[in-house]
Each structure stands twice: as C-alpha cells, then as structure tokens.
C-alpha atoms as a PDB file:
ATOM      1  CA  MET A   1       0.151   0.100   0.038  1.00  0.00           C
ATOM      2  CA  ILE A   2       1.366   3.286  -0.835  1.00  0.00           C
ATOM      3  CA  ILE A   3      -0.191   5.037   2.273  1.00  0.00           C
ATOM      4  CA  GLN A   4       0.501   3.263   5.513  1.00  0.00           C
ATOM      5  CA  ARG A   5      -2.481   3.932   7.889  1.00  0.00           C
ATOM      6  CA  TYR A   6      -1.594   4.592  11.478  1.00  0.00           C
ATOM      7  CA  GLU A   7      -2.413   1.521  13.397  1.00  0.00           C
ATOM      8  CA  LYS A   8      -4.212   3.493  16.164  1.00  0.00           C
ATOM      9  CA  ASN A   9      -6.541   5.493  13.880  1.00  0.00           C
ATOM     10  CA  PRO A  10      -8.681   7.558  14.385  1.00  0.00           C
ATOM     11  CA  ILE A  11      -6.329   9.973  15.945  1.00  0.00           C
ATOM     12  CA  LEU A  12      -9.083  12.570  16.915  1.00  0.00           C
ATOM     13  CA  THR A  13     -12.771  12.054  17.672  1.00  0.00           C
ATOM     14  CA  LYS A  14     -15.440  14.241  19.056  1.00  0.00           C
ATOM     15  CA  TYR A  15     -14.889  12.712  22.503  1.00  0.00           C
ATOM     16  CA  ASP A  16     -11.404  14.508  22.557  1.00  0.00           C
ATOM     17  CA  VAL A  17     -13.102  17.852  22.235  1.00  0.00           C
ATOM     18  CA  PRO A  18     -13.682  19.844  25.443  1.00  0.00           C
ATOM     19  CA  TYR A  19     -16.712  21.598  24.184  1.00  0.00           C
ATOM     20  CA  PRO A  20     -19.980  20.085  22.516  1.00  0.00           C
ATOM     21  CA  VAL A  21     -19.451  18.946  18.925  1.00  0.00           C
ATOM     22  CA  GLU A  22     -20.811  16.209  16.899  1.00  0.00           C
ATOM     23  CA  THR A  23     -17.795  15.407  14.544  1.00  0.00           C
ATOM     24  CA  VAL A  24     -14.126  16.327  13.949  1.00  0.00           C
ATOM     25  CA  HIS A  25     -12.822  16.147  10.453  1.00  0.00           C
ATOM     26  CA  ASN A  26     -11.255  17.853   7.419  1.00  0.00           C
ATOM     27  CA  ALA A  27      -8.131  19.330   9.120  1.00  0.00           C
ATOM     28  CA  GLY A  28      -5.251  21.659   7.955  1.00  0.00           C
ATOM     29  CA  VAL A  29      -2.149  20.659   9.609  1.00  0.00           C
ATOM     30  CA  VAL A  30       1.275  22.492   9.734  1.00  0.00           C
ATOM     31  CA  LYS A  31       4.520  22.381  11.900  1.00  0.00           C
ATOM     32  CA  HIS A  32       5.095  25.662  13.972  1.00  0.00           C
ATOM     33  CA  ASN A  33       7.968  25.940  16.441  1.00  0.00           C
ATOM     34  CA  ASN A  34       8.539  22.046  16.273  1.00  0.00           C
ATOM     35  CA  ASN A  35       4.950  21.452  17.186  1.00  0.00           C
ATOM     36  CA  TYR A  36       2.116  20.334  14.843  1.00  0.00           C
ATOM     37  CA  ILE A  37      -0.757  22.525  14.695  1.00  0.00           C
ATOM     38  CA  MET A  38      -4.129  21.149  13.531  1.00  0.00           C
ATOM     39  CA  LEU A  39      -7.236  23.237  12.533  1.00  0.00           C
ATOM     40  CA  PHE A  40     -10.270  20.955  12.237  1.00  0.00           C
ATOM     41  CA  ARG A  41     -13.873  21.315  11.294  1.00  0.00           C
ATOM     42  CA  SER A  42     -16.704  20.303  13.501  1.00  0.00           C
ATOM     43  CA  HIS A  43     -20.367  20.036  13.142  1.00  0.00           C
ATOM     44  CA  LEU A  44     -22.378  21.447  16.034  1.00  0.00           C
ATOM     45  CA  ARG A  45     -25.733  20.049  17.095  1.00  0.00           C
ATOM     46  CA  ASN A  46     -27.487  22.651  14.906  1.00  0.00           C
ATOM     47  CA  GLY A  47     -25.705  21.106  11.791  1.00  0.00           C
ATOM     48  CA  ARG A  48     -23.460  24.061  11.192  1.00  0.00           C
ATOM     49  CA  SER A  49     -19.711  24.089  11.374  1.00  0.00           C
ATOM     50  CA  ILE A  50     -16.903  25.842  13.325  1.00  0.00           C
ATOM     51  CA  ILE A  51     -13.123  25.367  13.280  1.00  0.00           C
ATOM     52  CA  GLY A  52     -11.083  24.055  16.213  1.00  0.00           C
ATOM     53  CA  ILE A  53      -7.448  23.949  16.981  1.00  0.00           C
ATOM     54  CA  ALA A  54      -5.168  21.099  18.400  1.00  0.00           C
ATOM     55  CA  GLU A  55      -1.547  20.824  19.096  1.00  0.00           C
ATOM     56  CA  SER A  56       0.882  17.691  19.274  1.00  0.00           C
ATOM     57  CA  ARG A  57       4.596  17.172  19.921  1.00  0.00           C
ATOM     58  CA  ASP A  58       4.756  14.157  17.598  1.00  0.00           C
ATOM     59  CA  GLY A  59       2.055  14.620  14.913  1.00  0.00           C
ATOM     60  CA  VAL A  60       0.054  11.670  16.414  1.00  0.00           C
ATOM     61  CA  ARG A  61      -1.383  12.614  19.854  1.00  0.00           C
ATOM     62  CA  PHE A  62      -3.182  15.798  19.622  1.00  0.00           C
ATOM     63  CA  VAL A  63      -4.599  17.966  22.364  1.00  0.00           C
ATOM     64  CA  VAL A  64      -7.600  20.232  21.624  1.00  0.00           C
ATOM     65  CA  ARG A  65      -7.753  23.662  23.053  1.00  0.00           C
ATOM     66  CA  PRO A  66     -10.614  24.736  25.213  1.00  0.00           C
ATOM     67  CA  GLU A  67     -12.243  27.142  22.768  1.00  0.00           C
ATOM     68  CA  PRO A  68     -12.555  26.971  18.878  1.00  0.00           C
ATOM     69  CA  PHE A  69     -10.181  28.841  16.762  1.00  0.00           C
ATOM     70  CA  ILE A  70     -12.707  30.210  14.101  1.00  0.00           C
ATOM     71  CA  THR A  71     -16.247  30.687  14.476  1.00  0.00           C
ATOM     72  CA  PRO A  72     -18.779  32.552  12.239  1.00  0.00           C
ATOM     73  CA  ALA A  73     -17.741  36.443  12.204  1.00  0.00           C
ATOM     74  CA  LYS A  74     -19.881  38.860  14.025  1.00  0.00           C
ATOM     75  CA  THR A  75     -18.923  41.963  11.969  1.00  0.00           C
ATOM     76  CA  GLU A  76     -19.271  42.910   8.217  1.00  0.00           C
ATOM     77  CA  PRO A  77     -18.282  42.005   5.634  1.00  0.00           C
ATOM     78  CA  PHE A  78     -17.431  38.619   6.819  1.00  0.00           C
ATOM     79  CA  SER A  79     -20.565  38.119   8.967  1.00  0.00           C
ATOM     80  CA  VAL A  80     -22.965  38.165   6.114  1.00  0.00           C
ATOM     81  CA  TYR A  81     -21.069  35.396   4.360  1.00  0.00           C
ATOM     82  CA  GLU A  82     -20.042  33.241   7.318  1.00  0.00           C
ATOM     83  CA  ALA A  83     -23.551  33.139   8.793  1.00  0.00           C
ATOM     84  CA  TYR A  84     -24.113  29.487   8.093  1.00  0.00           C
ATOM     85  CA  GLY A  85     -20.614  28.175   9.226  1.00  0.00           C
ATOM     86  CA  VAL A  86     -17.033  27.977   8.520  1.00  0.00           C
ATOM     87  CA  GLU A  87     -15.416  24.800   7.088  1.00  0.00           C
ATOM     88  CA  ASP A  88     -12.378  22.893   5.764  1.00  0.00           C
ATOM     89  CA  PRO A  89      -9.322  24.994   6.646  1.00  0.00           C
ATOM     90  CA  ARG A  90      -6.240  24.851   4.607  1.00  0.00           C
ATOM     91  CA  ILE A  91      -2.919  26.209   6.180  1.00  0.00           C
ATOM     92  CA  CYS A  92      -0.205  27.634   3.925  1.00  0.00           C
ATOM     93  CA  PRO A  93       3.248  28.699   5.460  1.00  0.00           C
ATOM     94  CA  MET A  94       4.877  31.667   4.214  1.00  0.00           C
ATOM     95  CA  GLU A  95       7.801  33.604   5.528  1.00  0.00           C
ATOM     96  CA  ASP A  96       5.632  36.319   7.040  1.00  0.00           C
ATOM     97  CA  GLY A  97       3.215  33.815   8.797  1.00  0.00           C
ATOM     98  CA  TYR A  98       0.584  31.268   8.120  1.00  0.00           C
ATOM     99  CA  TRP A  99      -2.304  32.114   5.596  1.00  0.00           C
ATOM    100  CA  ILE A 100      -5.508  30.127   6.311  1.00  0.00           C
ATOM    101  CA  THR A 101      -8.234  29.617   3.612  1.00  0.00           C
ATOM    102  CA  TYR A 102     -11.697  28.306   4.691  1.00  0.00           C
ATOM    103  CA  SER A 103     -15.069  27.908   3.231  1.00  0.00           C
ATOM    104  CA  VAL A 104     -17.847  30.110   4.297  1.00  0.00           C
ATOM    105  CA  TYR A 105     -21.522  29.292   4.054  1.00  0.00           C
ATOM    106  CA  SER A 106     -24.530  31.662   4.139  1.00  0.00           C
ATOM    107  CA  GLN A 107     -27.879  32.256   2.107  1.00  0.00           C
ATOM    108  CA  HIS A 108     -25.690  33.581  -0.735  1.00  0.00           C
ATOM    109  CA  GLY A 109     -23.937  30.260  -1.295  1.00  0.00           C
ATOM    110  CA  VAL A 110     -20.217  29.232  -0.423  1.00  0.00           C
ATOM    111  CA  ARG A 111     -17.181  31.323  -0.833  1.00  0.00           C
ATOM    112  CA  VAL A 112     -13.501  31.079   0.612  1.00  0.00           C
ATOM    113  CA  ALA A 113     -12.133  33.411   3.129  1.00  0.00           C
ATOM    114  CA  LEU A 114      -8.439  34.233   3.690  1.00  0.00           C
ATOM    115  CA  ALA A 115      -7.029  34.786   7.267  1.00  0.00           C
ATOM    116  CA  LYS A 116      -3.600  35.091   8.800  1.00  0.00           C
ATOM    117  CA  THR A 117      -1.774  34.248  11.906  1.00  0.00           C
ATOM    118  CA  VAL A 118       1.787  34.264  13.029  1.00  0.00           C
ATOM    119  CA  ASP A 119       1.524  32.421  16.201  1.00  0.00           C
ATOM    120  CA  PHE A 120      -1.859  30.634  16.139  1.00  0.00           C
ATOM    121  CA  GLU A 121      -3.022  32.724  19.151  1.00  0.00           C
ATOM    122  CA  ARG A 122      -4.589  35.663  17.225  1.00  0.00           C
ATOM    123  CA  LEU A 123      -6.332  35.462  13.897  1.00  0.00           C
ATOM    124  CA  GLU A 124      -6.737  38.459  11.228  1.00  0.00           C
ATOM    125  CA  ARG A 125      -9.371  37.935   8.747  1.00  0.00           C
ATOM    126  CA  ILE A 126      -7.963  39.410   5.409  1.00  0.00           C
ATOM    127  CA  SER A 127     -10.599  39.134   2.707  1.00  0.00           C
ATOM    128  CA  LEU A 128     -13.179  37.001   0.897  1.00  0.00           C
ATOM    129  CA  ILE A 129     -11.011  35.768  -2.105  1.00  0.00           C
ATOM    130  CA  THR A 130     -13.760  34.185  -4.195  1.00  0.00           C
ATOM    131  CA  GLN A 131     -17.122  34.785  -5.649  1.00  0.00           C
ATOM    132  CA  ALA A 132     -19.957  32.326  -5.132  1.00  0.00           C
ATOM    133  CA  ASP A 133     -19.750  29.245  -5.555  1.00  0.00           C
ATOM    134  CA  TYR A 134     -16.183  28.143  -4.634  1.00  0.00           C
ATOM    135  CA  ARG A 135     -14.492  25.737  -2.369  1.00  0.00           C
ATOM    136  CA  ASN A 136     -11.206  24.048  -1.751  1.00  0.00           C
ATOM    137  CA  VAL A 137      -8.721  26.895  -2.108  1.00  0.00           C
ATOM    138  CA  VAL A 138      -5.162  25.818  -1.505  1.00  0.00           C
ATOM    139  CA  ILE A 139      -2.197  28.308  -2.111  1.00  0.00           C
ATOM    140  CA  PHE A 140       1.334  27.468  -3.097  1.00  0.00           C
ATOM    141  CA  PRO A 141       3.641  28.255  -0.252  1.00  0.00           C
ATOM    142  CA  GLU A 142       5.940  30.521  -2.214  1.00  0.00           C
ATOM    143  CA  LYS A 143       5.685  33.179  -4.969  1.00  0.00           C
ATOM    144  CA  ILE A 144       5.999  31.631  -8.496  1.00  0.00           C
ATOM    145  CA  ASN A 145       7.557  34.080 -11.072  1.00  0.00           C
ATOM    146  CA  GLY A 146       6.711  36.970  -8.858  1.00  0.00           C
ATOM    147  CA  ARG A 147       3.141  36.136  -8.117  1.00  0.00           C
ATOM    148  CA  TYR A 148       1.301  33.869  -5.709  1.00  0.00           C
ATOM    149  CA  ALA A 149      -0.663  30.927  -7.090  1.00  0.00           C
ATOM    150  CA  ARG A 150      -3.692  28.833  -5.852  1.00  0.00           C
ATOM    151  CA  LEU A 151      -5.600  25.760  -6.836  1.00  0.00           C
ATOM    152  CA  ASP A 152      -9.297  25.756  -6.382  1.00  0.00           C
ATOM    153  CA  ARG A 153     -12.434  24.088  -7.514  1.00  0.00           C
ATOM    154  CA  PRO A 154     -15.611  26.163  -8.526  1.00  0.00           C
ATOM    155  CA  HIS A 155     -19.115  24.552  -8.466  1.00  0.00           C
ATOM    156  CA  SER A 156     -19.848  24.626 -12.288  1.00  0.00           C
ATOM    157  CA  GLU A 157     -21.620  22.335 -14.717  1.00  0.00           C
ATOM    158  CA  ILE A 158     -19.948  24.054 -17.565  1.00  0.00           C
ATOM    159  CA  SER A 159     -16.512  22.561 -16.785  1.00  0.00           C
ATOM    160  CA  PRO A 160     -17.979  20.139 -14.043  1.00  0.00           C
ATOM    161  CA  TRP A 161     -16.219  20.193 -10.562  1.00  0.00           C
ATOM    162  CA  SER A 162     -12.673  20.582 -11.921  1.00  0.00           C
ATOM    163  CA  ILE A 163      -9.400  22.024 -10.421  1.00  0.00           C
ATOM    164  CA  TRP A 164      -8.332  25.439 -11.663  1.00  0.00           C
ATOM    165  CA  ILE A 165      -5.284  27.610 -11.032  1.00  0.00           C
ATOM    166  CA  SER A 166      -5.195  31.340 -10.674  1.00  0.00           C
ATOM    167  CA  TYR A 167      -2.547  34.010  -9.639  1.00  0.00           C
ATOM    168  CA  SER A 168      -2.430  37.110  -7.549  1.00  0.00           C
ATOM    169  CA  PRO A 169      -0.056  39.953  -6.660  1.00  0.00           C
ATOM    170  CA  ASP A 170      -1.281  40.390  -3.176  1.00  0.00           C
ATOM    171  CA  LEU A 171      -3.373  37.168  -2.065  1.00  0.00           C
ATOM    172  CA  VAL A 172      -6.501  39.284  -2.334  1.00  0.00           C
ATOM    173  CA  HIS A 173      -7.049  39.823  -6.053  1.00  0.00           C
ATOM    174  CA  TRP A 174      -6.930  36.791  -8.174  1.00  0.00           C
ATOM    175  CA  GLY A 175      -6.991  36.291 -11.992  1.00  0.00           C
ATOM    176  CA  ASP A 176      -5.501  34.455 -15.082  1.00  0.00           C
ATOM    177  CA  ALA A 177      -7.641  31.423 -14.267  1.00  0.00           C
ATOM    178  CA  LYS A 178      -6.929  28.150 -16.064  1.00  0.00           C
ATOM    179  CA  VAL A 179      -8.599  24.767 -15.734  1.00  0.00           C
ATOM    180  CA  VAL A 180      -5.669  22.217 -14.909  1.00  0.00           C
ATOM    181  CA  ILE A 181      -7.376  18.814 -13.882  1.00  0.00           C
ATOM    182  CA  LYS A 182     -10.786  17.592 -14.785  1.00  0.00           C
ATOM    183  CA  PRO A 183     -12.802  14.629 -13.795  1.00  0.00           C
ATOM    184  CA  MET A 184     -12.262  11.493 -16.076  1.00  0.00           C
ATOM    185  CA  ALA A 185     -15.297   9.714 -17.416  1.00  0.00           C
ATOM    186  CA  TYR A 186     -15.539   6.255 -16.448  1.00  0.00           C
ATOM    187  CA  HIS A 187     -12.852   6.520 -13.702  1.00  0.00           C
ATOM    188  CA  TRP A 188     -12.536   6.667  -9.835  1.00  0.00           C
ATOM    189  CA  ASP A 189     -12.755  10.522 -10.000  1.00  0.00           C
ATOM    190  CA  GLU A 190     -15.576  10.946 -12.685  1.00  0.00           C
ATOM    191  CA  MET A 191     -17.823  12.863 -10.682  1.00  0.00           C
ATOM    192  CA  LYS A 192     -15.566  15.589  -8.971  1.00  0.00           C
ATOM    193  CA  VAL A 193     -12.025  16.515  -8.230  1.00  0.00           C
ATOM    194  CA  GLY A 194     -10.760  19.169  -5.895  1.00  0.00           C
ATOM    195  CA  PRO A 195      -7.518  20.099  -4.344  1.00  0.00           C
ATOM    196  CA  GLY A 196      -6.752  18.938  -0.795  1.00  0.00           C
ATOM    197  CA  ALA A 197      -3.503  19.749   0.984  1.00  0.00           C
ATOM    198  CA  THR A 198      -1.251  22.612   0.481  1.00  0.00           C
ATOM    199  CA  PRO A 199       1.043  21.615  -2.510  1.00  0.00           C
ATOM    200  CA  ILE A 200       4.398  20.182  -1.451  1.00  0.00           C
ATOM    201  CA  LYS A 201       7.554  21.391  -3.321  1.00  0.00           C
ATOM    202  CA  THR A 202       9.604  18.526  -4.585  1.00  0.00           C
ATOM    203  CA  LYS A 203      12.600  18.071  -6.748  1.00  0.00           C
ATOM    204  CA  LYS A 204      10.433  17.113  -9.672  1.00  0.00           C
ATOM    205  CA  GLY A 205       7.516  19.269  -9.257  1.00  0.00           C
ATOM    206  CA  TRP A 206       4.699  20.523  -7.010  1.00  0.00           C
ATOM    207  CA  LEU A 207       2.958  17.408  -5.476  1.00  0.00           C
ATOM    208  CA  ASN A 208      -0.971  18.150  -5.331  1.00  0.00           C
ATOM    209  CA  ILE A 209      -2.882  15.563  -3.048  1.00  0.00           C
ATOM    210  CA  PHE A 210      -6.478  15.898  -4.304  1.00  0.00           C
ATOM    211  CA  HIS A 211      -9.661  14.287  -3.866  1.00  0.00           C
ATOM    212  CA  GLY A 212     -11.795  12.486  -6.384  1.00  0.00           C
ATOM    213  CA  VAL A 213     -15.494  11.494  -6.165  1.00  0.00           C
ATOM    214  CA  PHE A 214     -17.165   8.529  -7.778  1.00  0.00           C
ATOM    215  CA  LYS A 215     -20.906   8.180  -7.926  1.00  0.00           C
ATOM    216  CA  THR A 216     -22.452   4.906  -7.078  1.00  0.00           C
ATOM    217  CA  MET A 217     -26.059   3.554  -6.646  1.00  0.00           C
ATOM    218  CA  ASP A 218     -25.386   4.107  -2.707  1.00  0.00           C
ATOM    219  CA  GLY A 219     -24.125   7.576  -3.110  1.00  0.00           C
ATOM    220  CA  ALA A 220     -20.763   9.143  -3.719  1.00  0.00           C
ATOM    221  CA  VAL A 221     -17.308   7.483  -2.709  1.00  0.00           C
ATOM    222  CA  TYR A 222     -14.535  10.060  -1.791  1.00  0.00           C
ATOM    223  CA  ARG A 223     -10.949   8.971  -2.510  1.00  0.00           C
ATOM    224  CA  LEU A 224      -7.493  10.627  -2.556  1.00  0.00           C
ATOM    225  CA  GLY A 225      -5.313  10.902  -5.792  1.00  0.00           C
ATOM    226  CA  VAL A 226      -2.056  12.775  -6.435  1.00  0.00           C
ATOM    227  CA  ALA A 227      -0.812  15.010  -9.359  1.00  0.00           C
ATOM    228  CA  LEU A 228       2.512  16.662 -10.183  1.00  0.00           C
ATOM    229  CA  HIS A 229       2.651  20.138 -11.316  1.00  0.00           C
ATOM    230  CA  ASP A 230       5.692  21.866 -12.914  1.00  0.00           C
ATOM    231  CA  ILE A 231       7.816  23.986 -10.499  1.00  0.00           C
ATOM    232  CA  GLN A 232       7.996  27.093 -12.655  1.00  0.00           C
ATOM    233  CA  ASP A 233       4.657  26.807 -14.400  1.00  0.00           C
ATOM    234  CA  PRO A 234       2.074  25.001 -12.045  1.00  0.00           C
ATOM    235  CA  SER A 235      -0.542  25.443 -14.725  1.00  0.00           C
ATOM    236  CA  ARG A 236       1.322  22.718 -16.556  1.00  0.00           C
ATOM    237  CA  VAL A 237       0.549  19.406 -15.107  1.00  0.00           C
ATOM    238  CA  LEU A 238       3.263  16.730 -15.484  1.00  0.00           C
ATOM    239  CA  GLY A 239       1.189  13.722 -14.477  1.00  0.00           C
ATOM    240  CA  VAL A 240      -2.049  12.696 -12.632  1.00  0.00           C
ATOM    241  CA  ALA A 241      -1.632   9.200 -11.184  1.00  0.00           C
ATOM    242  CA  ASP A 242      -4.261   6.945 -12.791  1.00  0.00           C
ATOM    243  CA  GLY A 243      -5.226   5.168  -9.642  1.00  0.00           C
ATOM    244  CA  TRP A 244      -6.172   6.396  -6.183  1.00  0.00           C
ATOM    245  CA  ILE A 245      -3.785   6.426  -3.284  1.00  0.00           C
ATOM    246  CA  LEU A 246      -6.471   5.999  -0.547  1.00  0.00           C
ATOM    247  CA  GLN A 247     -10.136   4.867  -0.327  1.00  0.00           C
ATOM    248  CA  PRO A 248     -12.590   4.308   2.576  1.00  0.00           C
ATOM    249  CA  GLU A 249     -11.618   0.972   3.968  1.00  0.00           C
ATOM    250  CA  ASP A 250     -11.898   1.274   7.869  1.00  0.00           C
ATOM    251  CA  PHE A 251     -15.182   1.058   9.715  1.00  0.00           C
ATOM    252  CA  TRP A 252     -14.888   4.894  10.622  1.00  0.00           C
ATOM    253  CA  GLU A 253     -14.431   5.924   6.957  1.00  0.00           C
ATOM    254  CA  ILE A 254     -17.100   3.712   5.704  1.00  0.00           C
ATOM    255  CA  SER A 255     -19.761   4.514   8.262  1.00  0.00           C
ATOM    256  CA  GLY A 256     -20.303   7.913   9.926  1.00  0.00           C
ATOM    257  CA  TYR A 257     -21.773  11.400   9.289  1.00  0.00           C
ATOM    258  CA  VAL A 258     -21.274  10.971   5.558  1.00  0.00           C
ATOM    259  CA  HIS A 259     -20.426   7.461   4.645  1.00  0.00           C
ATOM    260  CA  ASN A 260     -17.511   6.254   2.446  1.00  0.00           C
ATOM    261  CA  VAL A 261     -15.400   9.434   2.697  1.00  0.00           C
ATOM    262  CA  VAL A 262     -11.646  10.071   2.966  1.00  0.00           C
ATOM    263  CA  PHE A 263     -11.082  13.705   2.501  1.00  0.00           C
ATOM    264  CA  CYS A 264      -7.675  15.707   2.995  1.00  0.00           C
ATOM    265  CA  CYS A 265      -7.064  19.298   3.887  1.00  0.00           C
ATOM    266  CA  GLY A 266      -3.552  18.830   5.357  1.00  0.00           C
ATOM    267  CA  ALA A 267      -0.266  17.166   4.896  1.00  0.00           C
ATOM    268  CA  VAL A 268       3.091  17.740   6.443  1.00  0.00           C
ATOM    269  CA  ALA A 269       6.328  16.953   4.471  1.00  0.00           C
ATOM    270  CA  GLU A 270       9.047  15.734   6.927  1.00  0.00           C
ATOM    271  CA  GLU A 271      12.790  16.233   6.470  1.00  0.00           C
ATOM    272  CA  ASP A 272      13.302  12.413   5.936  1.00  0.00           C
ATOM    273  CA  GLY A 273      11.310  12.278   2.863  1.00  0.00           C
ATOM    274  CA  ILE A 274       7.991  11.109   4.589  1.00  0.00           C
ATOM    275  CA  VAL A 275       4.895  12.808   4.223  1.00  0.00           C
ATOM    276  CA  ARG A 276       2.122  12.892   6.998  1.00  0.00           C
ATOM    277  CA  ILE A 277      -1.239  12.840   5.508  1.00  0.00           C
ATOM    278  CA  TYR A 278      -4.396  13.700   7.560  1.00  0.00           C
ATOM    279  CA  TRP A 279      -7.879  12.976   6.332  1.00  0.00           C
ATOM    280  CA  GLY A 280     -11.353  13.068   7.670  1.00  0.00           C
ATOM    281  CA  GLY A 281     -13.107   9.658   7.808  1.00  0.00           C
ATOM    282  CA  ALA A 282     -16.717   9.714   6.974  1.00  0.00           C
ATOM    283  CA  ASP A 283     -16.929  13.331   7.928  1.00  0.00           C
ATOM    284  CA  SER A 284     -16.684  12.236  11.624  1.00  0.00           C
ATOM    285  CA  VAL A 285     -13.182  11.513  12.580  1.00  0.00           C
ATOM    286  CA  ILE A 286      -9.530  12.588  11.854  1.00  0.00           C
ATOM    287  CA  CYS A 287      -7.127   9.848  10.590  1.00  0.00           C
ATOM    288  CA  LEU A 288      -3.398   9.772   9.812  1.00  0.00           C
ATOM    289  CA  GLY A 289      -1.229   7.941   7.266  1.00  0.00           C
ATOM    290  CA  THR A 290       2.289   8.235   5.974  1.00  0.00           C
ATOM    291  CA  ALA A 291       3.943   7.799   2.550  1.00  0.00           C
ATOM    292  CA  LEU A 292       7.188   8.471   0.742  1.00  0.00           C
ATOM    293  CA  ILE A 293       6.961  11.646  -1.111  1.00  0.00           C
ATOM    294  CA  ASP A 294       9.204  10.118  -3.787  1.00  0.00           C
ATOM    295  CA  ASP A 295       6.710   7.252  -4.131  1.00  0.00           C
ATOM    296  CA  LEU A 296       3.856   9.724  -4.693  1.00  0.00           C
ATOM    297  CA  VAL A 297       5.910  11.710  -7.293  1.00  0.00           C
ATOM    298  CA  GLU A 298       6.835   8.455  -9.215  1.00  0.00           C
ATOM    299  CA  LEU A 299       3.174   7.425  -9.246  1.00  0.00           C
ATOM    300  CA  CYS A 300       2.362  10.596 -11.120  1.00  0.00           C
ATOM    301  CA  LEU A 301       4.947  10.150 -13.734  1.00  0.00           C
ATOM    302  CA  SER A 302       5.035   6.321 -14.279  1.00  0.00           C
ATOM    303  CA  THR A 303       1.086   5.737 -14.439  1.00  0.00           C
ATOM    304  CA  PRO A 304      -0.443   8.970 -15.633  1.00  0.00           C
ATOM    305  CA  ARG A 305      -3.867   9.518 -16.993  1.00  0.00           C
ATOM    306  CA  PRO A 306      -4.877  12.686 -19.072  1.00  0.00           C
ATOM    307  CA  ALA A 307      -5.115  15.751 -16.803  1.00  0.00           C
ATOM    308  CA  ILE A 308      -7.887  17.311 -18.974  1.00  0.00           C
END
C-alpha cells in the first residue's frame, strides 16, 4: 500500500474535544515551532460548522484547546457570508506567517475566506477571495515568477467540478484562471475533483494531493489521488496518477456522518522524505497515514492519466 495507515486510527474524535461537537474532520495541519498545529472542522448540534485547534509534539497525539479557533464572524463584511458556518481549513506557511483559507456558507452560497496568523493565538481576517460558488482553495507556499498561485474548485456544470489555477499579486485579487485537472469519465474521479492539502515542493514538481469522487448506486465515494505540477509553471500538469492512493476501508471511513469518505485538507512533509497525510473519515473523525514523497511523485509520472 502506498499510504500506511496509522495503526491506532482515528487520532481525533468528538470525544477528544472539550466543548460540545458532533464531529471532527477535514483538518489543515502544519509544523510551527517544532509542534504540529491542527485546525479541524466540527459540526455543532444545529448542523453548522466551526473550526477548532489542536496541538501535538509528535504529529500523532493531539490535544484540543478549550475554545474553537474560528467561529462565524460577528462583523461585516465577513458576518454576512459566514452566517451558516466555517469549514475545511487549509494552512499555507509563508515567510511572514501562516495563511489560512476556509469555506464560508450563507444564504448567498459558499465562498472562500482568507485569514492570517503568526502564532496561532491571534487570527486576522484578510478578505473574501472568491465569488460564489467556490470551495477548496489551496495556496502554493511561495511566490512563483513574482506572483502568488492557488488551486481551487468552482461549482460549475460548464466544466464540471474541476481543479483550476489562478494567480495574484497580493493574495486578495486573483485572475488569469485556467482549468488544469478535470474529472475523467468512467474513472474513480469521474464526478468531481478538488485540491486537498497545500502543495508540496519536490525536486520534480509540486505534489498536489487531491480528492476525487465517484458516484455509485449507494451515493458518492470520496478517495484521494495525486498529481504533479511543473515547478516554474504549475498550470502545466506533469502527471496525474491513474489510480487512487487512498479509499474508504476502515469502519470509521465507511460509516459515519457522511459514509464512504476520505477527505484531506492537510499534509506535512518531513525532512526524511516522509509525508504525514491527515484525512477526515466519513466526515466524523480524523485519521493519519504516511507515505514516501518520492513514491507519490513516481506514481504521477509512471502511471499517468490525462489531466484534462
């Protein structure tokens, strides 16, 4: 198996949270001052979502702080668009701090907000960086040819649920959008694809861990896949691995709030060439697995399928 599941999964459940929640899942994770910081989504009893924070010395055993880290804003302009909840955080480390993208829901649909922190104690909301309806924004962790770059996934039946790239001079204003990966008919990701974790820089390209969705008679199945993007021109996809790297198999991935789901918002590349991949299982718990970065890169190059 290309991903080795942690033998004591799940690593975080609602019973580890010191305030009332019904789920924990879809977590962004980053290393900060030699600690692992996790921002995770939770459903409240009313069905809406908030984002909690947990810390770990080893990347496995996490302790949840007493209070959530992001809850719906109380002041405009964010309050209007966060009214129904905040979801699915991604964390992008930059030289000047950590940039957090998260989905916001309201009567006006779903958009993506951008916030910043330098210490995971204080949070500064920066801007709403998409129109409706968008989800799954991940920012590349360095400027490329003088501009910031991101991957995202608009809700659209024109180019159905595909991964796009766009660029920005300031992380707020985005343009030059281009579709880069589309679902493939009669394939494990034929219904939807969307970016997952913050892209990982390797010697051969940017590694993109994404999710793909397959529609069955029993509903949708969410799996994880990998793609490799050119270092200097990430709109150029060097390879999309033909097969998935992870699918729902354990009980807590098959059965839960939303069954048959593995969904990744965070991965941490270690100095020894291993990547820790964190995923939500059935929108209910958080799980951990590890893989060799070189193996994932080789999978993209040795067994590719068409990107578009």
